[in-house]
Amino acid sequence: MRNFTRYIILICLLLCSMQGKAITKVDADNEYKKGNYQQAIKDYNELLRQGISADLYYNLGNAYYRSDNITQAVLAYERAHLLSPGDDDIKFNLEFARSKTIDKFPVESEMFFVTWYRALVNFTSVDHWGYIAIFSIAFALFLMLVYLFGSNIWMRKIGFYGSVVFVLVFALSNLFAYQQREALMNRSGAIVISSSVPVYKTPTRAESEQFVIHEGTKVEITDKTMKGWRGVKLSDGRTGWIQENSIEEI
């Protein structure tokens, strides 16, 4: 019986010791504040294996940037931006990190209303659009009750038109949340991680290269059908094929 009790105590002590060594975000943040960026990177990556979040990717990007790894910083910021597209700090740091990369390609022009629509969809995150949808339908139901049971005409007008507006907000919020979720589930962006990468017209090295892109450049993957190759599109509209191991998907 005594031996069994000792075993139980030893197991409890071992579990407590393991829990005490678990990495927390506070530990990673403290390493970053101390200037131990490599340790902070290791800790943030460990935390991300337990569960992803925009905040962790943002902090990871900061640690990479401080350690002069611009390519991985861009990749981490891109992942943070994908999870929280409305965060101004993430957008600022992403653009700043991009400015440190070699390639500076112009963005392919699009209709102004498409740009506005994209900005509206990415105004906030999927979760926040969900909250807006819930509050909107609740207000719409409340205003419908005001319309049905209002004691005078102006209250009924407020109830009717107000409920219509909030039903519209509810529908748009669900649409925007759906589109963001689709973007998360079907990611097509990637970052070049090799120092320089030739882009070919067809997926074969036998053909002469069209042009060269460098690490940190973002591309959109358009084709994954060829083993070892990826069809890509650049921000300026040019397309081509590059080797799969030269990029990392966002």
C-alpha atoms as a PDB file:
ATOM      1  CA  MET A   1       0.000   0.000   0.000  1.00  0.00           C
ATOM      2  CA  ARG A   2       2.869   2.355   0.872  1.00  0.00           C
ATOM      3  CA  ASN A   3       4.578   1.662  -2.446  1.00  0.00           C
ATOM      4  CA  PHE A   4       1.340   2.366  -4.308  1.00  0.00           C
ATOM      5  CA  THR A   5       1.008   5.694  -2.432  1.00  0.00           C
ATOM      6  CA  ARG A   6       4.590   6.613  -3.322  1.00  0.00           C
ATOM      7  CA  TYR A   7       3.929   5.887  -6.988  1.00  0.00           C
ATOM      8  CA  ILE A   8       0.859   8.123  -6.916  1.00  0.00           C
ATOM      9  CA  ILE A   9       2.855  10.940  -5.318  1.00  0.00           C
ATOM     10  CA  LEU A  10       5.667  10.575  -7.875  1.00  0.00           C
ATOM     11  CA  ILE A  11       3.200  10.657 -10.776  1.00  0.00           C
ATOM     12  CA  CYS A  12       1.529  13.788  -9.361  1.00  0.00           C
ATOM     13  CA  LEU A  13       4.912  15.496  -8.923  1.00  0.00           C
ATOM     14  CA  LEU A  14       5.872  14.548 -12.481  1.00  0.00           C
ATOM     15  CA  LEU A  15       2.625  15.944 -13.877  1.00  0.00           C
ATOM     16  CA  CYS A  16       3.039  19.153 -11.897  1.00  0.00           C
ATOM     17  CA  SER A  17       6.596  19.467 -13.182  1.00  0.00           C
ATOM     18  CA  MET A  18       5.444  19.001 -16.776  1.00  0.00           C
ATOM     19  CA  GLN A  19       2.696  21.593 -16.327  1.00  0.00           C
ATOM     20  CA  GLY A  20       5.195  23.997 -14.826  1.00  0.00           C
ATOM     21  CA  LYS A  21       7.357  23.764 -17.932  1.00  0.00           C
ATOM     22  CA  ALA A  22       4.475  24.462 -20.342  1.00  0.00           C
ATOM     23  CA  ILE A  23       5.114  27.511 -22.505  1.00  0.00           C
ATOM     24  CA  THR A  24       2.697  30.396 -22.090  1.00  0.00           C
ATOM     25  CA  LYS A  25       2.216  33.537 -24.148  1.00  0.00           C
ATOM     26  CA  VAL A  26       3.518  35.559 -21.205  1.00  0.00           C
ATOM     27  CA  ASP A  27       6.773  33.576 -21.330  1.00  0.00           C
ATOM     28  CA  ALA A  28       7.122  34.182 -25.069  1.00  0.00           C
ATOM     29  CA  ASP A  29       6.331  37.892 -24.686  1.00  0.00           C
ATOM     30  CA  ASN A  30       8.910  38.216 -21.908  1.00  0.00           C
ATOM     31  CA  GLU A  31      11.583  36.614 -24.087  1.00  0.00           C
ATOM     32  CA  TYR A  32      10.719  39.093 -26.833  1.00  0.00           C
ATOM     33  CA  LYS A  33      10.928  42.043 -24.438  1.00  0.00           C
ATOM     34  CA  LYS A  34      14.338  40.838 -23.242  1.00  0.00           C
ATOM     35  CA  GLY A  35      15.598  40.761 -26.822  1.00  0.00           C
ATOM     36  CA  ASN A  36      15.840  36.970 -26.904  1.00  0.00           C
ATOM     37  CA  TYR A  37      14.153  36.858 -30.305  1.00  0.00           C
ATOM     38  CA  GLN A  38      15.196  33.336 -31.284  1.00  0.00           C
ATOM     39  CA  GLN A  39      13.753  31.941 -28.073  1.00  0.00           C
ATOM     40  CA  ALA A  40      10.614  34.030 -28.560  1.00  0.00           C
ATOM     41  CA  ILE A  41      10.266  32.624 -32.095  1.00  0.00           C
ATOM     42  CA  LYS A  42      10.597  29.099 -30.734  1.00  0.00           C
ATOM     43  CA  ASP A  43       8.000  29.789 -28.023  1.00  0.00           C
ATOM     44  CA  TYR A  44       5.493  31.431 -30.380  1.00  0.00           C
ATOM     45  CA  ASN A  45       5.782  28.527 -32.818  1.00  0.00           C
ATOM     46  CA  GLU A  46       5.188  26.096 -29.967  1.00  0.00           C
ATOM     47  CA  LEU A  47       2.066  28.024 -28.941  1.00  0.00           C
ATOM     48  CA  LEU A  48       0.833  28.078 -32.541  1.00  0.00           C
ATOM     49  CA  ARG A  49       1.066  24.289 -32.674  1.00  0.00           C
ATOM     50  CA  GLN A  50      -1.438  24.270 -29.813  1.00  0.00           C
ATOM     51  CA  GLY A  51      -3.809  26.666 -31.554  1.00  0.00           C
ATOM     52  CA  ILE A  52      -3.524  29.465 -34.101  1.00  0.00           C
ATOM     53  CA  SER A  53      -4.463  33.096 -33.516  1.00  0.00           C
ATOM     54  CA  ALA A  54      -3.836  36.418 -35.222  1.00  0.00           C
ATOM     55  CA  ASP A  55      -2.150  37.767 -32.096  1.00  0.00           C
ATOM     56  CA  LEU A  56       0.397  34.945 -31.957  1.00  0.00           C
ATOM     57  CA  TYR A  57       1.230  35.260 -35.656  1.00  0.00           C
ATOM     58  CA  TYR A  58       1.578  39.027 -35.238  1.00  0.00           C
ATOM     59  CA  ASN A  59       4.006  38.626 -32.347  1.00  0.00           C
ATOM     60  CA  LEU A  60       5.879  35.918 -34.253  1.00  0.00           C
ATOM     61  CA  GLY A  61       6.222  38.306 -37.183  1.00  0.00           C
ATOM     62  CA  ASN A  62       7.627  40.972 -34.872  1.00  0.00           C
ATOM     63  CA  ALA A  63      10.188  38.518 -33.494  1.00  0.00           C
ATOM     64  CA  TYR A  64      11.235  37.449 -36.989  1.00  0.00           C
ATOM     65  CA  TYR A  65      11.524  41.076 -38.080  1.00  0.00           C
ATOM     66  CA  ARG A  66      13.694  41.929 -35.072  1.00  0.00           C
ATOM     67  CA  SER A  67      15.960  39.006 -35.923  1.00  0.00           C
ATOM     68  CA  ASP A  68      16.284  40.335 -39.531  1.00  0.00           C
ATOM     69  CA  ASN A  69      14.354  37.439 -41.084  1.00  0.00           C
ATOM     70  CA  ILE A  70      12.128  39.576 -43.298  1.00  0.00           C
ATOM     71  CA  THR A  71      10.778  36.671 -45.349  1.00  0.00           C
ATOM     72  CA  GLN A  72       9.419  34.779 -42.338  1.00  0.00           C
ATOM     73  CA  ALA A  73       8.184  38.055 -40.860  1.00  0.00           C
ATOM     74  CA  VAL A  74       6.125  38.717 -44.008  1.00  0.00           C
ATOM     75  CA  LEU A  75       4.776  35.159 -43.899  1.00  0.00           C
ATOM     76  CA  ALA A  76       3.738  35.487 -40.247  1.00  0.00           C
ATOM     77  CA  TYR A  77       2.121  38.900 -40.817  1.00  0.00           C
ATOM     78  CA  GLU A  78       0.241  37.532 -43.842  1.00  0.00           C
ATOM     79  CA  ARG A  79      -1.167  34.713 -41.718  1.00  0.00           C
ATOM     80  CA  ALA A  80      -2.145  37.180 -38.999  1.00  0.00           C
ATOM     81  CA  HIS A  81      -3.792  39.416 -41.603  1.00  0.00           C
ATOM     82  CA  LEU A  82      -5.735  36.468 -42.993  1.00  0.00           C
ATOM     83  CA  LEU A  83      -7.161  35.750 -39.536  1.00  0.00           C
ATOM     84  CA  SER A  84      -7.795  39.398 -38.648  1.00  0.00           C
ATOM     85  CA  PRO A  85      -7.964  41.501 -41.840  1.00  0.00           C
ATOM     86  CA  GLY A  86      -9.336  44.556 -40.060  1.00  0.00           C
ATOM     87  CA  ASP A  87      -6.436  44.946 -37.612  1.00  0.00           C
ATOM     88  CA  ASP A  88      -4.584  48.179 -38.437  1.00  0.00           C
ATOM     89  CA  ASP A  89      -1.411  47.196 -36.553  1.00  0.00           C
ATOM     90  CA  ILE A  90      -1.104  43.984 -38.546  1.00  0.00           C
ATOM     91  CA  LYS A  91      -1.690  45.813 -41.834  1.00  0.00           C
ATOM     92  CA  PHE A  92       0.891  48.481 -40.986  1.00  0.00           C
ATOM     93  CA  ASN A  93       3.595  45.978 -39.994  1.00  0.00           C
ATOM     94  CA  LEU A  94       2.843  43.813 -43.039  1.00  0.00           C
ATOM     95  CA  GLU A  95       3.232  46.748 -45.420  1.00  0.00           C
ATOM     96  CA  PHE A  96       6.384  47.875 -43.614  1.00  0.00           C
ATOM     97  CA  ALA A  97       7.918  44.387 -43.874  1.00  0.00           C
ATOM     98  CA  ARG A  98       6.946  44.188 -47.545  1.00  0.00           C
ATOM     99  CA  SER A  99       8.785  47.455 -48.153  1.00  0.00           C
ATOM    100  CA  LYS A 100      12.000  45.698 -47.075  1.00  0.00           C
ATOM    101  CA  THR A 101      11.718  42.974 -49.730  1.00  0.00           C
ATOM    102  CA  ILE A 102      13.541  43.166 -53.073  1.00  0.00           C
ATOM    103  CA  ASP A 103      10.615  42.965 -55.498  1.00  0.00           C
ATOM    104  CA  LYS A 104       8.292  45.952 -55.803  1.00  0.00           C
ATOM    105  CA  PHE A 105       5.607  44.963 -58.281  1.00  0.00           C
ATOM    106  CA  PRO A 106       2.657  47.260 -59.041  1.00  0.00           C
ATOM    107  CA  VAL A 107      -0.800  45.962 -58.144  1.00  0.00           C
ATOM    108  CA  GLU A 108      -3.009  44.937 -61.048  1.00  0.00           C
ATOM    109  CA  SER A 109      -5.754  47.533 -61.473  1.00  0.00           C
ATOM    110  CA  GLU A 110      -9.375  46.655 -60.715  1.00  0.00           C
ATOM    111  CA  MET A 111     -12.709  48.474 -60.746  1.00  0.00           C
ATOM    112  CA  PHE A 112     -13.083  50.904 -57.844  1.00  0.00           C
ATOM    113  CA  PHE A 113     -16.253  49.251 -56.547  1.00  0.00           C
ATOM    114  CA  VAL A 114     -14.421  45.901 -56.351  1.00  0.00           C
ATOM    115  CA  THR A 115     -11.738  47.557 -54.193  1.00  0.00           C
ATOM    116  CA  TRP A 116     -14.409  49.087 -51.960  1.00  0.00           C
ATOM    117  CA  TYR A 117     -16.211  45.781 -51.644  1.00  0.00           C
ATOM    118  CA  ARG A 118     -13.013  43.962 -50.671  1.00  0.00           C
ATOM    119  CA  ALA A 119     -12.306  46.631 -48.059  1.00  0.00           C
ATOM    120  CA  LEU A 120     -15.819  46.238 -46.649  1.00  0.00           C
ATOM    121  CA  VAL A 121     -15.567  42.436 -46.466  1.00  0.00           C
ATOM    122  CA  ASN A 122     -12.197  42.723 -44.711  1.00  0.00           C
ATOM    123  CA  PHE A 123     -13.307  45.499 -42.390  1.00  0.00           C
ATOM    124  CA  THR A 124     -13.280  43.057 -39.480  1.00  0.00           C
ATOM    125  CA  SER A 125     -12.814  39.349 -38.748  1.00  0.00           C
ATOM    126  CA  VAL A 126     -15.146  36.387 -39.262  1.00  0.00           C
ATOM    127  CA  ASP A 127     -16.015  36.264 -35.558  1.00  0.00           C
ATOM    128  CA  HIS A 128     -16.854  39.962 -35.431  1.00  0.00           C
ATOM    129  CA  TRP A 129     -19.085  39.684 -38.489  1.00  0.00           C
ATOM    130  CA  GLY A 130     -20.827  36.846 -36.658  1.00  0.00           C
ATOM    131  CA  TYR A 131     -21.404  39.047 -33.597  1.00  0.00           C
ATOM    132  CA  ILE A 132     -22.750  41.836 -35.802  1.00  0.00           C
ATOM    133  CA  ALA A 133     -25.146  39.369 -37.441  1.00  0.00           C
ATOM    134  CA  ILE A 134     -26.469  38.185 -34.066  1.00  0.00           C
ATOM    135  CA  PHE A 135     -27.010  41.714 -32.743  1.00  0.00           C
ATOM    136  CA  SER A 136     -28.619  42.776 -36.037  1.00  0.00           C
ATOM    137  CA  ILE A 137     -31.227  40.029 -36.060  1.00  0.00           C
ATOM    138  CA  ALA A 138     -31.986  40.689 -32.393  1.00  0.00           C
ATOM    139  CA  PHE A 139     -32.590  44.403 -33.105  1.00  0.00           C
ATOM    140  CA  ALA A 140     -34.610  43.512 -36.203  1.00  0.00           C
ATOM    141  CA  LEU A 141     -36.926  41.300 -34.115  1.00  0.00           C
ATOM    142  CA  PHE A 142     -37.261  43.997 -31.469  1.00  0.00           C
ATOM    143  CA  LEU A 143     -38.141  46.644 -34.056  1.00  0.00           C
ATOM    144  CA  MET A 144     -40.633  44.289 -35.688  1.00  0.00           C
ATOM    145  CA  LEU A 145     -42.394  44.061 -32.336  1.00  0.00           C
ATOM    146  CA  VAL A 146     -42.377  47.866 -32.182  1.00  0.00           C
ATOM    147  CA  TYR A 147     -43.973  47.915 -35.650  1.00  0.00           C
ATOM    148  CA  LEU A 148     -46.642  45.389 -34.683  1.00  0.00           C
ATOM    149  CA  PHE A 149     -47.540  46.825 -31.297  1.00  0.00           C
ATOM    150  CA  GLY A 150     -46.544  50.489 -31.609  1.00  0.00           C
ATOM    151  CA  SER A 151     -49.086  52.917 -30.145  1.00  0.00           C
ATOM    152  CA  ASN A 152     -48.729  55.576 -32.865  1.00  0.00           C
ATOM    153  CA  ILE A 153     -47.796  55.877 -36.511  1.00  0.00           C
ATOM    154  CA  TRP A 154     -44.252  57.238 -36.107  1.00  0.00           C
ATOM    155  CA  MET A 155     -43.264  54.381 -33.790  1.00  0.00           C
ATOM    156  CA  ARG A 156     -44.608  51.885 -36.314  1.00  0.00           C
ATOM    157  CA  LYS A 157     -42.636  53.574 -39.117  1.00  0.00           C
ATOM    158  CA  ILE A 158     -39.438  53.406 -37.058  1.00  0.00           C
ATOM    159  CA  GLY A 159     -40.123  49.753 -36.275  1.00  0.00           C
ATOM    160  CA  PHE A 160     -40.788  48.819 -39.903  1.00  0.00           C
ATOM    161  CA  TYR A 161     -37.939  50.640 -41.631  1.00  0.00           C
ATOM    162  CA  GLY A 162     -35.509  49.925 -38.787  1.00  0.00           C
ATOM    163  CA  SER A 163     -36.221  46.189 -38.943  1.00  0.00           C
ATOM    164  CA  VAL A 164     -35.659  46.226 -42.727  1.00  0.00           C
ATOM    165  CA  VAL A 165     -32.276  47.923 -42.256  1.00  0.00           C
ATOM    166  CA  PHE A 166     -31.126  45.455 -39.584  1.00  0.00           C
ATOM    167  CA  VAL A 167     -32.299  42.454 -41.616  1.00  0.00           C
ATOM    168  CA  LEU A 168     -30.158  43.788 -44.472  1.00  0.00           C
ATOM    169  CA  VAL A 169     -27.183  44.201 -42.111  1.00  0.00           C
ATOM    170  CA  PHE A 170     -27.780  40.654 -40.865  1.00  0.00           C
ATOM    171  CA  ALA A 171     -27.726  39.273 -44.419  1.00  0.00           C
ATOM    172  CA  LEU A 172     -24.590  41.219 -45.413  1.00  0.00           C
ATOM    173  CA  SER A 173     -22.764  40.228 -42.211  1.00  0.00           C
ATOM    174  CA  ASN A 174     -23.417  36.565 -42.932  1.00  0.00           C
ATOM    175  CA  LEU A 175     -22.282  37.021 -46.529  1.00  0.00           C
ATOM    176  CA  PHE A 176     -19.044  38.741 -45.499  1.00  0.00           C
ATOM    177  CA  ALA A 177     -18.362  36.142 -42.795  1.00  0.00           C
ATOM    178  CA  TYR A 178     -18.934  33.349 -45.327  1.00  0.00           C
ATOM    179  CA  GLN A 179     -16.561  34.911 -47.852  1.00  0.00           C
ATOM    180  CA  GLN A 180     -13.846  35.368 -45.231  1.00  0.00           C
ATOM    181  CA  ARG A 181     -14.290  31.791 -44.068  1.00  0.00           C
ATOM    182  CA  GLU A 182     -13.967  30.575 -47.654  1.00  0.00           C
ATOM    183  CA  ALA A 183     -10.741  32.580 -47.980  1.00  0.00           C
ATOM    184  CA  LEU A 184      -9.430  30.907 -44.820  1.00  0.00           C
ATOM    185  CA  MET A 185     -10.449  27.414 -45.894  1.00  0.00           C
ATOM    186  CA  ASN A 186      -9.211  27.756 -49.486  1.00  0.00           C
ATOM    187  CA  ARG A 187      -5.975  29.676 -49.105  1.00  0.00           C
ATOM    188  CA  SER A 188      -4.235  30.479 -52.352  1.00  0.00           C
ATOM    189  CA  GLY A 189      -1.541  32.919 -51.233  1.00  0.00           C
ATOM    190  CA  ALA A 190       2.098  31.939 -50.769  1.00  0.00           C
ATOM    191  CA  ILE A 191       5.406  33.620 -49.958  1.00  0.00           C
ATOM    192  CA  VAL A 192       8.655  32.981 -51.824  1.00  0.00           C
ATOM    193  CA  ILE A 193      11.141  31.565 -49.310  1.00  0.00           C
ATOM    194  CA  SER A 194      14.117  30.982 -51.629  1.00  0.00           C
ATOM    195  CA  SER A 195      16.576  33.817 -52.214  1.00  0.00           C
ATOM    196  CA  SER A 196      15.699  33.980 -55.926  1.00  0.00           C
ATOM    197  CA  VAL A 197      13.283  31.916 -57.975  1.00  0.00           C
ATOM    198  CA  PRO A 198      13.043  31.645 -61.784  1.00  0.00           C
ATOM    199  CA  VAL A 199       9.518  31.739 -63.168  1.00  0.00           C
ATOM    200  CA  TYR A 200       8.920  29.522 -66.217  1.00  0.00           C
ATOM    201  CA  LYS A 201       6.244  29.650 -68.883  1.00  0.00           C
ATOM    202  CA  THR A 202       5.581  25.916 -68.495  1.00  0.00           C
ATOM    203  CA  PRO A 203       6.285  23.492 -65.597  1.00  0.00           C
ATOM    204  CA  THR A 204       9.678  22.346 -66.824  1.00  0.00           C
ATOM    205  CA  ARG A 205      13.204  23.595 -66.319  1.00  0.00           C
ATOM    206  CA  ALA A 206      14.051  22.728 -69.908  1.00  0.00           C
ATOM    207  CA  GLU A 207      12.373  25.925 -71.049  1.00  0.00           C
ATOM    208  CA  SER A 208      14.054  29.296 -70.557  1.00  0.00           C
ATOM    209  CA  GLU A 209      12.864  31.346 -67.606  1.00  0.00           C
ATOM    210  CA  GLN A 210      10.538  34.319 -68.099  1.00  0.00           C
ATOM    211  CA  PHE A 211      11.705  36.370 -65.132  1.00  0.00           C
ATOM    212  CA  VAL A 212      13.021  36.012 -61.578  1.00  0.00           C
ATOM    213  CA  ILE A 213      11.344  36.801 -58.258  1.00  0.00           C
ATOM    214  CA  HIS A 214      12.946  37.010 -54.824  1.00  0.00           C
ATOM    215  CA  GLU A 215      12.293  35.960 -51.249  1.00  0.00           C
ATOM    216  CA  GLY A 216       9.452  37.688 -49.438  1.00  0.00           C
ATOM    217  CA  THR A 217       7.380  38.192 -52.591  1.00  0.00           C
ATOM    218  CA  LYS A 218       3.745  37.174 -52.384  1.00  0.00           C
ATOM    219  CA  VAL A 219       2.197  35.081 -55.154  1.00  0.00           C
ATOM    220  CA  GLU A 220      -1.255  33.612 -55.729  1.00  0.00           C
ATOM    221  CA  ILE A 221      -1.286  29.886 -56.476  1.00  0.00           C
ATOM    222  CA  THR A 222      -3.428  29.195 -59.523  1.00  0.00           C
ATOM    223  CA  ASP A 223      -2.594  25.568 -60.303  1.00  0.00           C
ATOM    224  CA  LYS A 224      -1.489  22.588 -58.184  1.00  0.00           C
ATOM    225  CA  THR A 225      -1.970  19.831 -60.731  1.00  0.00           C
ATOM    226  CA  MET A 226       1.694  19.346 -61.674  1.00  0.00           C
ATOM    227  CA  LYS A 227       3.802  17.444 -59.134  1.00  0.00           C
ATOM    228  CA  GLY A 228       6.656  19.533 -57.784  1.00  0.00           C
ATOM    229  CA  TRP A 229       5.372  22.685 -59.504  1.00  0.00           C
ATOM    230  CA  ARG A 230       2.922  25.478 -58.774  1.00  0.00           C
ATOM    231  CA  GLY A 231       1.202  27.768 -61.230  1.00  0.00           C
ATOM    232  CA  VAL A 232       1.359  31.287 -59.780  1.00  0.00           C
ATOM    233  CA  LYS A 233       0.128  34.794 -60.458  1.00  0.00           C
ATOM    234  CA  LEU A 234       1.897  37.966 -59.325  1.00  0.00           C
ATOM    235  CA  SER A 235       0.281  41.173 -58.110  1.00  0.00           C
ATOM    236  CA  ASP A 236       0.956  42.854 -61.453  1.00  0.00           C
ATOM    237  CA  GLY A 237      -0.964  40.149 -63.336  1.00  0.00           C
ATOM    238  CA  ARG A 238       1.982  38.145 -64.728  1.00  0.00           C
ATOM    239  CA  THR A 239       1.701  34.360 -64.501  1.00  0.00           C
ATOM    240  CA  GLY A 240       4.036  31.405 -64.709  1.00  0.00           C
ATOM    241  CA  TRP A 241       5.287  28.241 -63.008  1.00  0.00           C
ATOM    242  CA  ILE A 242       7.736  27.879 -60.132  1.00  0.00           C
ATOM    243  CA  GLN A 243       9.034  24.921 -58.174  1.00  0.00           C
ATOM    244  CA  GLU A 244       6.893  23.967 -55.191  1.00  0.00           C
ATOM    245  CA  ASN A 245       9.743  23.936 -52.663  1.00  0.00           C
ATOM    246  CA  SER A 246      10.557  27.585 -53.357  1.00  0.00           C
ATOM    247  CA  ILE A 247       7.372  28.885 -51.731  1.00  0.00           C
ATOM    248  CA  GLU A 248       5.445  28.394 -48.501  1.00  0.00           C
ATOM    249  CA  GLU A 249       1.670  28.685 -48.468  1.00  0.00           C
ATOM    250  CA  ILE A 250       0.137  31.295 -46.205  1.00  0.00           C
END
